[in-house]
Amino acid sequence: MRVGDARIMEEQYLRMLFHTHILRIIPMSAGAAVATRSSRMLFSFEKHTPLAYSETDVAQVFAHDGKAIANSREFFKWLEARALDEGQSRSLLANYVSGLREDSHDPGADLA
């Protein structure tokens, strides 16, 4: 998704490339619905029940019931199955940066 101009996009891509411990890209071919899903986390604790967290533009929800935990685990399995591996993800992001640099000389280019 394009956010800002080519300079801003390049800065964001480079920050992800060089300041991210783990980088996995989910291709758009996995389905556009992925991009519109809410933020989600699953917290696991050694001596306590796991905790699922989800957030939208109108709510933040913490849940520890079995259905919420199972749903979150299935969602993360779904993402894992569709994500590019670490090397593929970094390579794709590096290609995006190269494309921005090449297109920056063409004022009419649709970048990103």
PDB file of N, CA and C in Angstrom:
ATOM      1  N   MET A   1       0.828  -1.163   0.000  1.00  0.00           N
ATOM      2  CA  MET A   1       0.000   0.000   0.000  1.00  0.00           C
ATOM      3  C   MET A   1       0.885   1.242   0.000  1.00  0.00           C
ATOM      4  N   ARG A   2       0.582   2.186  -0.837  1.00  0.00           N
ATOM      5  CA  ARG A   2       1.376   3.414  -0.875  1.00  0.00           C
ATOM      6  C   ARG A   2       0.980   4.342   0.265  1.00  0.00           C
ATOM      7  N   VAL A   3       1.993   4.817   0.991  1.00  0.00           N
ATOM      8  CA  VAL A   3       1.784   5.767   2.071  1.00  0.00           C
ATOM      9  C   VAL A   3       2.799   6.876   1.885  1.00  0.00           C
ATOM     10  N   GLY A   4       2.365   8.014   1.401  1.00  0.00           N
ATOM     11  CA  GLY A   4       3.283   9.127   1.183  1.00  0.00           C
ATOM     12  C   GLY A   4       3.972   9.061  -0.163  1.00  0.00           C
ATOM     13  N   ASP A   5       5.002   9.907  -0.329  1.00  0.00           N
ATOM     14  CA  ASP A   5       5.726   9.979  -1.595  1.00  0.00           C
ATOM     15  C   ASP A   5       6.855   8.939  -1.631  1.00  0.00           C
ATOM     16  N   ALA A   6       7.621   8.945  -2.715  1.00  0.00           N
ATOM     17  CA  ALA A   6       8.681   7.943  -2.908  1.00  0.00           C
ATOM     18  C   ALA A   6       9.735   8.001  -1.798  1.00  0.00           C
ATOM     19  N   ARG A   7      10.079   9.193  -1.333  1.00  0.00           N
ATOM     20  CA  ARG A   7      11.086   9.328  -0.276  1.00  0.00           C
ATOM     21  C   ARG A   7      10.588   8.685   1.015  1.00  0.00           C
ATOM     22  N   ILE A   8       9.359   8.940   1.370  1.00  0.00           N
ATOM     23  CA  ILE A   8       8.786   8.359   2.586  1.00  0.00           C
ATOM     24  C   ILE A   8       8.717   6.836   2.465  1.00  0.00           C
ATOM     25  N   MET A   9       8.290   6.346   1.307  1.00  0.00           N
ATOM     26  CA  MET A   9       8.207   4.900   1.106  1.00  0.00           C
ATOM     27  C   MET A   9       9.592   4.265   1.221  1.00  0.00           C
ATOM     28  N   GLU A  10      10.598   4.901   0.618  1.00  0.00           N
ATOM     29  CA  GLU A  10      11.955   4.351   0.683  1.00  0.00           C
ATOM     30  C   GLU A  10      12.439   4.303   2.130  1.00  0.00           C
ATOM     31  N   GLU A  11      12.203   5.366   2.893  1.00  0.00           N
ATOM     32  CA  GLU A  11      12.615   5.386   4.296  1.00  0.00           C
ATOM     33  C   GLU A  11      11.930   4.270   5.081  1.00  0.00           C
ATOM     34  N   GLN A  12      10.654   4.050   4.817  1.00  0.00           N
ATOM     35  CA  GLN A  12       9.933   2.991   5.526  1.00  0.00           C
ATOM     36  C   GLN A  12      10.462   1.616   5.141  1.00  0.00           C
ATOM     37  N   TYR A  13      10.686   1.386   3.857  1.00  0.00           N
ATOM     38  CA  TYR A  13      11.216   0.092   3.406  1.00  0.00           C
ATOM     39  C   TYR A  13      12.595  -0.168   4.010  1.00  0.00           C
ATOM     40  N   LEU A  14      13.464   0.853   4.002  1.00  0.00           N
ATOM     41  CA  LEU A  14      14.809   0.676   4.552  1.00  0.00           C
ATOM     42  C   LEU A  14      14.769   0.431   6.056  1.00  0.00           C
ATOM     43  N   ARG A  15      13.873   1.099   6.744  1.00  0.00           N
ATOM     44  CA  ARG A  15      13.737   0.870   8.186  1.00  0.00           C
ATOM     45  C   ARG A  15      13.320  -0.576   8.444  1.00  0.00           C
ATOM     46  N   MET A  16      12.378  -1.085   7.655  1.00  0.00           N
ATOM     47  CA  MET A  16      11.965  -2.482   7.826  1.00  0.00           C
ATOM     48  C   MET A  16      13.104  -3.437   7.490  1.00  0.00           C
ATOM     49  N   LEU A  17      13.866  -3.130   6.453  1.00  0.00           N
ATOM     50  CA  LEU A  17      14.964  -4.007   6.049  1.00  0.00           C
ATOM     51  C   LEU A  17      16.055  -4.098   7.100  1.00  0.00           C
ATOM     52  N   PHE A  18      16.427  -2.961   7.674  1.00  0.00           N
ATOM     53  CA  PHE A  18      17.609  -2.919   8.531  1.00  0.00           C
ATOM     54  C   PHE A  18      17.328  -2.802  10.025  1.00  0.00           C
ATOM     55  N   HIS A  19      16.081  -2.566  10.404  1.00  0.00           N
ATOM     56  CA  HIS A  19      15.781  -2.389  11.834  1.00  0.00           C
ATOM     57  C   HIS A  19      14.668  -3.320  12.302  1.00  0.00           C
ATOM     58  N   THR A  20      14.481  -4.408  11.605  1.00  0.00           N
ATOM     59  CA  THR A  20      13.455  -5.371  11.979  1.00  0.00           C
ATOM     60  C   THR A  20      14.122  -6.713  12.250  1.00  0.00           C
ATOM     61  N   HIS A  21      13.845  -7.264  13.398  1.00  0.00           N
ATOM     62  CA  HIS A  21      14.450  -8.541  13.771  1.00  0.00           C
ATOM     63  C   HIS A  21      13.950  -9.670  12.866  1.00  0.00           C
ATOM     64  N   ILE A  22      12.646  -9.782  12.722  1.00  0.00           N
ATOM     65  CA  ILE A  22      12.050 -10.801  11.856  1.00  0.00           C
ATOM     66  C   ILE A  22      11.137 -10.096  10.865  1.00  0.00           C
ATOM     67  N   LEU A  23      11.279 -10.434   9.612  1.00  0.00           N
ATOM     68  CA  LEU A  23      10.476  -9.814   8.563  1.00  0.00           C
ATOM     69  C   LEU A  23       9.853 -10.899   7.712  1.00  0.00           C
ATOM     70  N   ARG A  24       8.541 -10.951   7.678  1.00  0.00           N
ATOM     71  CA  ARG A  24       7.815 -11.910   6.842  1.00  0.00           C
ATOM     72  C   ARG A  24       6.710 -11.142   6.130  1.00  0.00           C
ATOM     73  N   ILE A  25       6.696 -11.192   4.829  1.00  0.00           N
ATOM     74  CA  ILE A  25       5.686 -10.493   4.032  1.00  0.00           C
ATOM     75  C   ILE A  25       4.596 -11.470   3.625  1.00  0.00           C
ATOM     76  N   ILE A  26       3.355 -11.030   3.759  1.00  0.00           N
ATOM     77  CA  ILE A  26       2.205 -11.785   3.280  1.00  0.00           C
ATOM     78  C   ILE A  26       1.834 -11.179   1.926  1.00  0.00           C
ATOM     79  N   PRO A  27       1.995 -11.938   0.835  1.00  0.00           N
ATOM     80  CA  PRO A  27       1.681 -11.376  -0.490  1.00  0.00           C
ATOM     81  C   PRO A  27       0.187 -11.082  -0.631  1.00  0.00           C
ATOM     82  N   MET A  28      -0.143 -10.109  -1.456  1.00  0.00           N
ATOM     83  CA  MET A  28      -1.536  -9.778  -1.714  1.00  0.00           C
ATOM     84  C   MET A  28      -2.279 -10.969  -2.305  1.00  0.00           C
ATOM     85  N   SER A  29      -1.562 -11.892  -2.938  1.00  0.00           N
ATOM     86  CA  SER A  29      -2.205 -13.076  -3.507  1.00  0.00           C
ATOM     87  C   SER A  29      -2.824 -13.956  -2.415  1.00  0.00           C
ATOM     88  N   ALA A  30      -2.445 -13.721  -1.150  1.00  0.00           N
ATOM     89  CA  ALA A  30      -3.044 -14.472  -0.041  1.00  0.00           C
ATOM     90  C   ALA A  30      -4.471 -14.030   0.197  1.00  0.00           C
ATOM     91  N   GLY A  31      -4.834 -12.885  -0.352  1.00  0.00           N
ATOM     92  CA  GLY A  31      -6.194 -12.367  -0.203  1.00  0.00           C
ATOM     93  C   GLY A  31      -6.178 -10.968   0.356  1.00  0.00           C
ATOM     94  N   ALA A  32      -6.957 -10.103  -0.227  1.00  0.00           N
ATOM     95  CA  ALA A  32      -7.006  -8.706   0.204  1.00  0.00           C
ATOM     96  C   ALA A  32      -7.548  -8.576   1.622  1.00  0.00           C
ATOM     97  N   ALA A  33      -8.301  -9.557   2.080  1.00  0.00           N
ATOM     98  CA  ALA A  33      -8.880  -9.494   3.424  1.00  0.00           C
ATOM     99  C   ALA A  33      -7.807  -9.404   4.501  1.00  0.00           C
ATOM    100  N   VAL A  34      -6.617  -9.932   4.229  1.00  0.00           N
ATOM    101  CA  VAL A  34      -5.540  -9.879   5.214  1.00  0.00           C
ATOM    102  C   VAL A  34      -5.207  -8.428   5.554  1.00  0.00           C
ATOM    103  N   ALA A  35      -5.162  -7.579   4.538  1.00  0.00           N
ATOM    104  CA  ALA A  35      -4.789  -6.181   4.746  1.00  0.00           C
ATOM    105  C   ALA A  35      -5.839  -5.412   5.543  1.00  0.00           C
ATOM    106  N   THR A  36      -7.061  -5.895   5.554  1.00  0.00           N
ATOM    107  CA  THR A  36      -8.117  -5.172   6.265  1.00  0.00           C
ATOM    108  C   THR A  36      -8.425  -5.765   7.633  1.00  0.00           C
ATOM    109  N   ARG A  37      -7.735  -6.830   8.013  1.00  0.00           N
ATOM    110  CA  ARG A  37      -7.966  -7.443   9.330  1.00  0.00           C
ATOM    111  C   ARG A  37      -7.458  -6.530  10.430  1.00  0.00           C
ATOM    112  N   SER A  38      -8.009  -6.710  11.599  1.00  0.00           N
ATOM    113  CA  SER A  38      -7.582  -5.920  12.745  1.00  0.00           C
ATOM    114  C   SER A  38      -6.233  -6.412  13.259  1.00  0.00           C
ATOM    115  N   SER A  39      -5.595  -5.561  14.040  1.00  0.00           N
ATOM    116  CA  SER A  39      -4.352  -5.964  14.703  1.00  0.00           C
ATOM    117  C   SER A  39      -4.675  -7.089  15.671  1.00  0.00           C
ATOM    118  N   ARG A  40      -3.737  -8.034  15.774  1.00  0.00           N
ATOM    119  CA  ARG A  40      -3.996  -9.186  16.631  1.00  0.00           C
ATOM    120  C   ARG A  40      -2.701  -9.663  17.256  1.00  0.00           C
ATOM    121  N   MET A  41      -2.779 -10.067  18.517  1.00  0.00           N
ATOM    122  CA  MET A  41      -1.648 -10.648  19.226  1.00  0.00           C
ATOM    123  C   MET A  41      -2.152 -11.801  20.071  1.00  0.00           C
ATOM    124  N   LEU A  42      -1.245 -12.718  20.340  1.00  0.00           N
ATOM    125  CA  LEU A  42      -1.557 -13.823  21.244  1.00  0.00           C
ATOM    126  C   LEU A  42      -0.422 -13.911  22.245  1.00  0.00           C
ATOM    127  N   PHE A  43      -0.744 -13.690  23.502  1.00  0.00           N
ATOM    128  CA  PHE A  43       0.247 -13.739  24.567  1.00  0.00           C
ATOM    129  C   PHE A  43       0.181 -15.106  25.239  1.00  0.00           C
ATOM    130  N   SER A  44       1.324 -15.732  25.394  1.00  0.00           N
ATOM    131  CA  SER A  44       1.397 -17.018  26.094  1.00  0.00           C
ATOM    132  C   SER A  44       2.223 -16.837  27.355  1.00  0.00           C
ATOM    133  N   PHE A  45       1.756 -17.446  28.423  1.00  0.00           N
ATOM    134  CA  PHE A  45       2.420 -17.330  29.714  1.00  0.00           C
ATOM    135  C   PHE A  45       2.709 -18.716  30.257  1.00  0.00           C
ATOM    136  N   GLU A  46       3.776 -18.833  31.002  1.00  0.00           N
ATOM    137  CA  GLU A  46       4.178 -20.131  31.543  1.00  0.00           C
ATOM    138  C   GLU A  46       3.154 -20.690  32.539  1.00  0.00           C
ATOM    139  N   LYS A  47       2.640 -19.847  33.413  1.00  0.00           N
ATOM    140  CA  LYS A  47       1.754 -20.337  34.480  1.00  0.00           C
ATOM    141  C   LYS A  47       0.333 -19.787  34.403  1.00  0.00           C
ATOM    142  N   HIS A  48      -0.017 -19.155  33.298  1.00  0.00           N
ATOM    143  CA  HIS A  48      -1.353 -18.569  33.184  1.00  0.00           C
ATOM    144  C   HIS A  48      -1.965 -18.915  31.831  1.00  0.00           C
ATOM    145  N   THR A  49      -3.257 -18.726  31.743  1.00  0.00           N
ATOM    146  CA  THR A  49      -3.994 -18.955  30.509  1.00  0.00           C
ATOM    147  C   THR A  49      -3.512 -17.967  29.445  1.00  0.00           C
ATOM    148  N   PRO A  50      -3.395 -18.402  28.181  1.00  0.00           N
ATOM    149  CA  PRO A  50      -3.034 -17.460  27.118  1.00  0.00           C
ATOM    150  C   PRO A  50      -4.060 -16.323  27.024  1.00  0.00           C
ATOM    151  N   LEU A  51      -3.639 -15.237  26.409  1.00  0.00           N
ATOM    152  CA  LEU A  51      -4.491 -14.061  26.286  1.00  0.00           C
ATOM    153  C   LEU A  51      -4.468 -13.586  24.841  1.00  0.00           C
ATOM    154  N   ALA A  52      -5.637 -13.479  24.236  1.00  0.00           N
ATOM    155  CA  ALA A  52      -5.760 -12.977  22.861  1.00  0.00           C
ATOM    156  C   ALA A  52      -6.094 -11.493  22.914  1.00  0.00           C
ATOM    157  N   TYR A  53      -5.483 -10.735  22.029  1.00  0.00           N
ATOM    158  CA  TYR A  53      -5.726  -9.286  21.953  1.00  0.00           C
ATOM    159  C   TYR A  53      -6.071  -8.942  20.515  1.00  0.00           C
ATOM    160  N   SER A  54      -7.081  -8.118  20.343  1.00  0.00           N
ATOM    161  CA  SER A  54      -7.467  -7.652  19.019  1.00  0.00           C
ATOM    162  C   SER A  54      -7.867  -6.186  19.128  1.00  0.00           C
ATOM    163  N   GLU A  55      -7.598  -5.458  18.057  1.00  0.00           N
ATOM    164  CA  GLU A  55      -7.899  -4.029  18.087  1.00  0.00           C
ATOM    165  C   GLU A  55      -8.457  -3.589  16.742  1.00  0.00           C
ATOM    166  N   THR A  56      -9.454  -2.729  16.795  1.00  0.00           N
ATOM    167  CA  THR A  56     -10.020  -2.105  15.599  1.00  0.00           C
ATOM    168  C   THR A  56     -10.008  -0.601  15.821  1.00  0.00           C
ATOM    169  N   ASP A  57     -10.608   0.129  14.907  1.00  0.00           N
ATOM    170  CA  ASP A  57     -10.645   1.581  15.074  1.00  0.00           C
ATOM    171  C   ASP A  57     -11.596   2.014  16.195  1.00  0.00           C
ATOM    172  N   VAL A  58     -12.454   1.104  16.687  1.00  0.00           N
ATOM    173  CA  VAL A  58     -13.407   1.480  17.732  1.00  0.00           C
ATOM    174  C   VAL A  58     -13.283   0.668  19.023  1.00  0.00           C
ATOM    175  N   ALA A  59     -12.437  -0.365  19.046  1.00  0.00           N
ATOM    176  CA  ALA A  59     -12.366  -1.190  20.253  1.00  0.00           C
ATOM    177  C   ALA A  59     -11.019  -1.884  20.397  1.00  0.00           C
ATOM    178  N   GLN A  60     -10.670  -2.148  21.649  1.00  0.00           N
ATOM    179  CA  GLN A  60      -9.527  -2.981  21.995  1.00  0.00           C
ATOM    180  C   GLN A  60     -10.061  -4.083  22.898  1.00  0.00           C
ATOM    181  N   VAL A  61      -9.817  -5.336  22.496  1.00  0.00           N
ATOM    182  CA  VAL A  61     -10.404  -6.457  23.217  1.00  0.00           C
ATOM    183  C   VAL A  61      -9.307  -7.407  23.691  1.00  0.00           C
ATOM    184  N   PHE A  62      -9.368  -7.759  24.974  1.00  0.00           N
ATOM    185  CA  PHE A  62      -8.522  -8.797  25.551  1.00  0.00           C
ATOM    186  C   PHE A  62      -9.446  -9.960  25.896  1.00  0.00           C
ATOM    187  N   ALA A  63      -9.091 -11.169  25.461  1.00  0.00           N
ATOM    188  CA  ALA A  63      -9.938 -12.329  25.747  1.00  0.00           C
ATOM    189  C   ALA A  63      -9.079 -13.515  26.153  1.00  0.00           C
ATOM    190  N   HIS A  64      -9.579 -14.287  27.094  1.00  0.00           N
ATOM    191  CA  HIS A  64      -8.843 -15.475  27.523  1.00  0.00           C
ATOM    192  C   HIS A  64      -9.687 -16.735  27.416  1.00  0.00           C
ATOM    193  N   ASP A  65     -10.861 -16.637  26.772  1.00  0.00           N
ATOM    194  CA  ASP A  65     -11.690 -17.830  26.619  1.00  0.00           C
ATOM    195  C   ASP A  65     -11.123 -18.728  25.519  1.00  0.00           C
ATOM    196  N   GLY A  66     -11.461 -19.987  25.597  1.00  0.00           N
ATOM    197  CA  GLY A  66     -10.905 -20.986  24.686  1.00  0.00           C
ATOM    198  C   GLY A  66     -11.155 -20.703  23.219  1.00  0.00           C
ATOM    199  N   LYS A  67     -12.342 -20.204  22.882  1.00  0.00           N
ATOM    200  CA  LYS A  67     -12.675 -19.936  21.478  1.00  0.00           C
ATOM    201  C   LYS A  67     -11.800 -18.808  20.912  1.00  0.00           C
ATOM    202  N   ALA A  68     -11.591 -17.763  21.668  1.00  0.00           N
ATOM    203  CA  ALA A  68     -10.751 -16.645  21.212  1.00  0.00           C
ATOM    204  C   ALA A  68      -9.306 -17.089  21.024  1.00  0.00           C
ATOM    205  N   ILE A  69      -8.808 -17.903  21.938  1.00  0.00           N
ATOM    206  CA  ILE A  69      -7.431 -18.402  21.845  1.00  0.00           C
ATOM    207  C   ILE A  69      -7.289 -19.303  20.620  1.00  0.00           C
ATOM    208  N   ALA A  70      -8.238 -20.223  20.435  1.00  0.00           N
ATOM    209  CA  ALA A  70      -8.197 -21.137  19.289  1.00  0.00           C
ATOM    210  C   ALA A  70      -8.291 -20.365  17.973  1.00  0.00           C
ATOM    211  N   ASN A  71      -9.159 -19.361  17.925  1.00  0.00           N
ATOM    212  CA  ASN A  71      -9.319 -18.551  16.726  1.00  0.00           C
ATOM    213  C   ASN A  71      -8.024 -17.817  16.390  1.00  0.00           C
ATOM    214  N   SER A  72      -7.374 -17.257  17.395  1.00  0.00           N
ATOM    215  CA  SER A  72      -6.104 -16.550  17.164  1.00  0.00           C
ATOM    216  C   SER A  72      -5.017 -17.505  16.690  1.00  0.00           C
ATOM    217  N   ARG A  73      -4.940 -18.674  17.299  1.00  0.00           N
ATOM    218  CA  ARG A  73      -3.935 -19.655  16.873  1.00  0.00           C
ATOM    219  C   ARG A  73      -4.160 -20.065  15.419  1.00  0.00           C
ATOM    220  N   GLU A  74      -5.395 -20.278  15.027  1.00  0.00           N
ATOM    221  CA  GLU A  74      -5.704 -20.651  13.643  1.00  0.00           C
ATOM    222  C   GLU A  74      -5.340 -19.529  12.681  1.00  0.00           C
ATOM    223  N   PHE A  75      -5.611 -18.293  13.080  1.00  0.00           N
ATOM    224  CA  PHE A  75      -5.267 -17.150  12.230  1.00  0.00           C
ATOM    225  C   PHE A  75      -3.760 -17.077  12.016  1.00  0.00           C
ATOM    226  N   PHE A  76      -2.976 -17.266  13.077  1.00  0.00           N
ATOM    227  CA  PHE A  76      -1.522 -17.200  12.939  1.00  0.00           C
ATOM    228  C   PHE A  76      -0.980 -18.380  12.133  1.00  0.00           C
ATOM    229  N   LYS A  77      -1.604 -19.545  12.238  1.00  0.00           N
ATOM    230  CA  LYS A  77      -1.218 -20.675  11.382  1.00  0.00           C
ATOM    231  C   LYS A  77      -1.500 -20.350   9.922  1.00  0.00           C
ATOM    232  N   TRP A  78      -2.641 -19.724   9.671  1.00  0.00           N
ATOM    233  CA  TRP A  78      -3.027 -19.328   8.317  1.00  0.00           C
ATOM    234  C   TRP A  78      -1.984 -18.357   7.741  1.00  0.00           C
ATOM    235  N   LEU A  79      -1.586 -17.359   8.546  1.00  0.00           N
ATOM    236  CA  LEU A  79      -0.567 -16.402   8.099  1.00  0.00           C
ATOM    237  C   LEU A  79       0.765 -17.101   7.827  1.00  0.00           C
ATOM    238  N   GLU A  80       1.173 -17.979   8.728  1.00  0.00           N
ATOM    239  CA  GLU A  80       2.439 -18.700   8.584  1.00  0.00           C
ATOM    240  C   GLU A  80       2.481 -19.485   7.278  1.00  0.00           C
ATOM    241  N   ALA A  81       1.369 -20.092   6.921  1.00  0.00           N
ATOM    242  CA  ALA A  81       1.313 -20.906   5.705  1.00  0.00           C
ATOM    243  C   ALA A  81       1.421 -20.063   4.435  1.00  0.00           C
ATOM    244  N   ARG A  82       1.053 -18.793   4.513  1.00  0.00           N
ATOM    245  CA  ARG A  82       1.031 -17.940   3.329  1.00  0.00           C
ATOM    246  C   ARG A  82       2.190 -16.948   3.238  1.00  0.00           C
ATOM    247  N   ALA A  83       2.895 -16.744   4.333  1.00  0.00           N
ATOM    248  CA  ALA A  83       3.976 -15.752   4.372  1.00  0.00           C
ATOM    249  C   ALA A  83       5.189 -16.235   3.585  1.00  0.00           C
ATOM    250  N   LEU A  84       5.852 -15.298   2.943  1.00  0.00           N
ATOM    251  CA  LEU A  84       7.144 -15.594   2.335  1.00  0.00           C
ATOM    252  C   LEU A  84       8.129 -15.871   3.466  1.00  0.00           C
ATOM    253  N   ASP A  85       9.174 -16.649   3.194  1.00  0.00           N
ATOM    254  CA  ASP A  85      10.156 -16.863   4.251  1.00  0.00           C
ATOM    255  C   ASP A  85      10.990 -15.591   4.432  1.00  0.00           C
ATOM    256  N   GLU A  86      11.855 -15.599   5.431  1.00  0.00           N
ATOM    257  CA  GLU A  86      12.643 -14.407   5.776  1.00  0.00           C
ATOM    258  C   GLU A  86      13.461 -13.902   4.590  1.00  0.00           C
ATOM    259  N   GLY A  87      14.160 -14.790   3.904  1.00  0.00           N
ATOM    260  CA  GLY A  87      14.987 -14.391   2.765  1.00  0.00           C
ATOM    261  C   GLY A  87      14.159 -13.835   1.621  1.00  0.00           C
ATOM    262  N   GLN A  88      13.064 -14.501   1.298  1.00  0.00           N
ATOM    263  CA  GLN A  88      12.191 -14.018   0.224  1.00  0.00           C
ATOM    264  C   GLN A  88      11.604 -12.653   0.571  1.00  0.00           C
ATOM    265  N   SER A  89      11.221 -12.474   1.826  1.00  0.00           N
ATOM    266  CA  SER A  89      10.631 -11.210   2.263  1.00  0.00           C
ATOM    267  C   SER A  89      11.632 -10.067   2.146  1.00  0.00           C
ATOM    268  N   ARG A  90      12.859 -10.297   2.606  1.00  0.00           N
ATOM    269  CA  ARG A  90      13.887  -9.246   2.526  1.00  0.00           C
ATOM    270  C   ARG A  90      14.253  -8.940   1.077  1.00  0.00           C
ATOM    271  N   SER A  91      14.319  -9.960   0.250  1.00  0.00           N
ATOM    272  CA  SER A  91      14.621  -9.768  -1.167  1.00  0.00           C
ATOM    273  C   SER A  91      13.529  -8.952  -1.848  1.00  0.00           C
ATOM    274  N   LEU A  92      12.277  -9.265  -1.553  1.00  0.00           N
ATOM    275  CA  LEU A  92      11.164  -8.522  -2.141  1.00  0.00           C
ATOM    276  C   LEU A  92      11.194  -7.063  -1.711  1.00  0.00           C
ATOM    277  N   LEU A  93      11.463  -6.830  -0.436  1.00  0.00           N
ATOM    278  CA  LEU A  93      11.535  -5.458   0.061  1.00  0.00           C
ATOM    279  C   LEU A  93      12.698  -4.700  -0.579  1.00  0.00           C
ATOM    280  N   ALA A  94      13.830  -5.353  -0.759  1.00  0.00           N
ATOM    281  CA  ALA A  94      14.971  -4.721  -1.432  1.00  0.00           C
ATOM    282  C   ALA A  94      14.604  -4.375  -2.873  1.00  0.00           C
ATOM    283  N   ASN A  95      13.834  -5.223  -3.543  1.00  0.00           N
ATOM    284  CA  ASN A  95      13.371  -4.922  -4.906  1.00  0.00           C
ATOM    285  C   ASN A  95      12.456  -3.715  -4.918  1.00  0.00           C
ATOM    286  N   TYR A  96      11.616  -3.587  -3.893  1.00  0.00           N
ATOM    287  CA  TYR A  96      10.748  -2.404  -3.799  1.00  0.00           C
ATOM    288  C   TYR A  96      11.589  -1.134  -3.702  1.00  0.00           C
ATOM    289  N   VAL A  97      12.647  -1.173  -2.876  1.00  0.00           N
ATOM    290  CA  VAL A  97      13.518  -0.007  -2.721  1.00  0.00           C
ATOM    291  C   VAL A  97      14.181   0.326  -4.054  1.00  0.00           C
ATOM    292  N   SER A  98      14.694  -0.681  -4.752  1.00  0.00           N
ATOM    293  CA  SER A  98      15.330  -0.464  -6.054  1.00  0.00           C
ATOM    294  C   SER A  98      14.348   0.149  -7.040  1.00  0.00           C
ATOM    295  N   GLY A  99      13.131  -0.351  -7.031  1.00  0.00           N
ATOM    296  CA  GLY A  99      12.106   0.182  -7.925  1.00  0.00           C
ATOM    297  C   GLY A  99      11.798   1.633  -7.643  1.00  0.00           C
ATOM    298  N   LEU A 100      11.768   2.011  -6.371  1.00  0.00           N
ATOM    299  CA  LEU A 100      11.525   3.410  -6.015  1.00  0.00           C
ATOM    300  C   LEU A 100      12.641   4.301  -6.537  1.00  0.00           C
ATOM    301  N   ARG A 101      13.870   3.832  -6.408  1.00  0.00           N
ATOM    302  CA  ARG A 101      15.015   4.630  -6.860  1.00  0.00           C
ATOM    303  C   ARG A 101      15.013   4.786  -8.375  1.00  0.00           C
ATOM    304  N   GLU A 102      14.675   3.727  -9.101  1.00  0.00           N
ATOM    305  CA  GLU A 102      14.625   3.793 -10.560  1.00  0.00           C
ATOM    306  C   GLU A 102      13.511   4.708 -11.029  1.00  0.00           C
ATOM    307  N   ASP A 103      12.338   4.617 -10.374  1.00  0.00           N
ATOM    308  CA  ASP A 103      11.179   5.393 -10.782  1.00  0.00           C
ATOM    309  C   ASP A 103      11.242   6.844 -10.329  1.00  0.00           C
ATOM    310  N   SER A 104      12.136   7.184  -9.399  1.00  0.00           N
ATOM    311  CA  SER A 104      12.153   8.543  -8.854  1.00  0.00           C
ATOM    312  C   SER A 104      12.523   9.582  -9.907  1.00  0.00           C
ATOM    313  N   HIS A 105      13.114   9.147 -11.027  1.00  0.00           N
ATOM    314  CA  HIS A 105      13.458  10.081 -12.092  1.00  0.00           C
ATOM    315  C   HIS A 105      12.281  10.323 -13.033  1.00  0.00           C
ATOM    316  N   ASP A 106      11.248   9.528 -12.905  1.00  0.00           N
ATOM    317  CA  ASP A 106      10.062   9.654 -13.742  1.00  0.00           C
ATOM    318  C   ASP A 106       8.954  10.286 -12.893  1.00  0.00           C
ATOM    319  N   PRO A 107       8.673  11.586 -13.066  1.00  0.00           N
ATOM    320  CA  PRO A 107       7.733  12.265 -12.187  1.00  0.00           C
ATOM    321  C   PRO A 107       6.313  11.710 -12.276  1.00  0.00           C
ATOM    322  N   GLY A 108       5.979  10.990 -13.318  1.00  0.00           N
ATOM    323  CA  GLY A 108       4.634  10.464 -13.456  1.00  0.00           C
ATOM    324  C   GLY A 108       4.504   9.026 -13.033  1.00  0.00           C
ATOM    325  N   ALA A 109       5.558   8.444 -12.490  1.00  0.00           N
ATOM    326  CA  ALA A 109       5.512   7.026 -12.145  1.00  0.00           C
ATOM    327  C   ALA A 109       4.620   6.779 -10.938  1.00  0.00           C
ATOM    328  N   ASP A 110       3.900   5.673 -10.965  1.00  0.00           N
ATOM    329  CA  ASP A 110       3.092   5.260  -9.836  1.00  0.00           C
ATOM    330  C   ASP A 110       3.960   4.369  -8.959  1.00  0.00           C
ATOM    331  N   LEU A 111       4.516   4.928  -7.900  1.00  0.00           N
ATOM    332  CA  LEU A 111       5.490   4.222  -7.082  1.00  0.00           C
ATOM    333  C   LEU A 111       4.794   3.384  -6.031  1.00  0.00           C
ATOM    334  N   ALA A 112       5.294   2.215  -5.792  1.00  0.00           N
ATOM    335  CA  ALA A 112       4.805   1.273  -4.778  1.00  0.00           C
ATOM    336  C   ALA A 112       3.444   0.807  -5.132  1.00  0.00           C
TER     337      ALA A 112
END
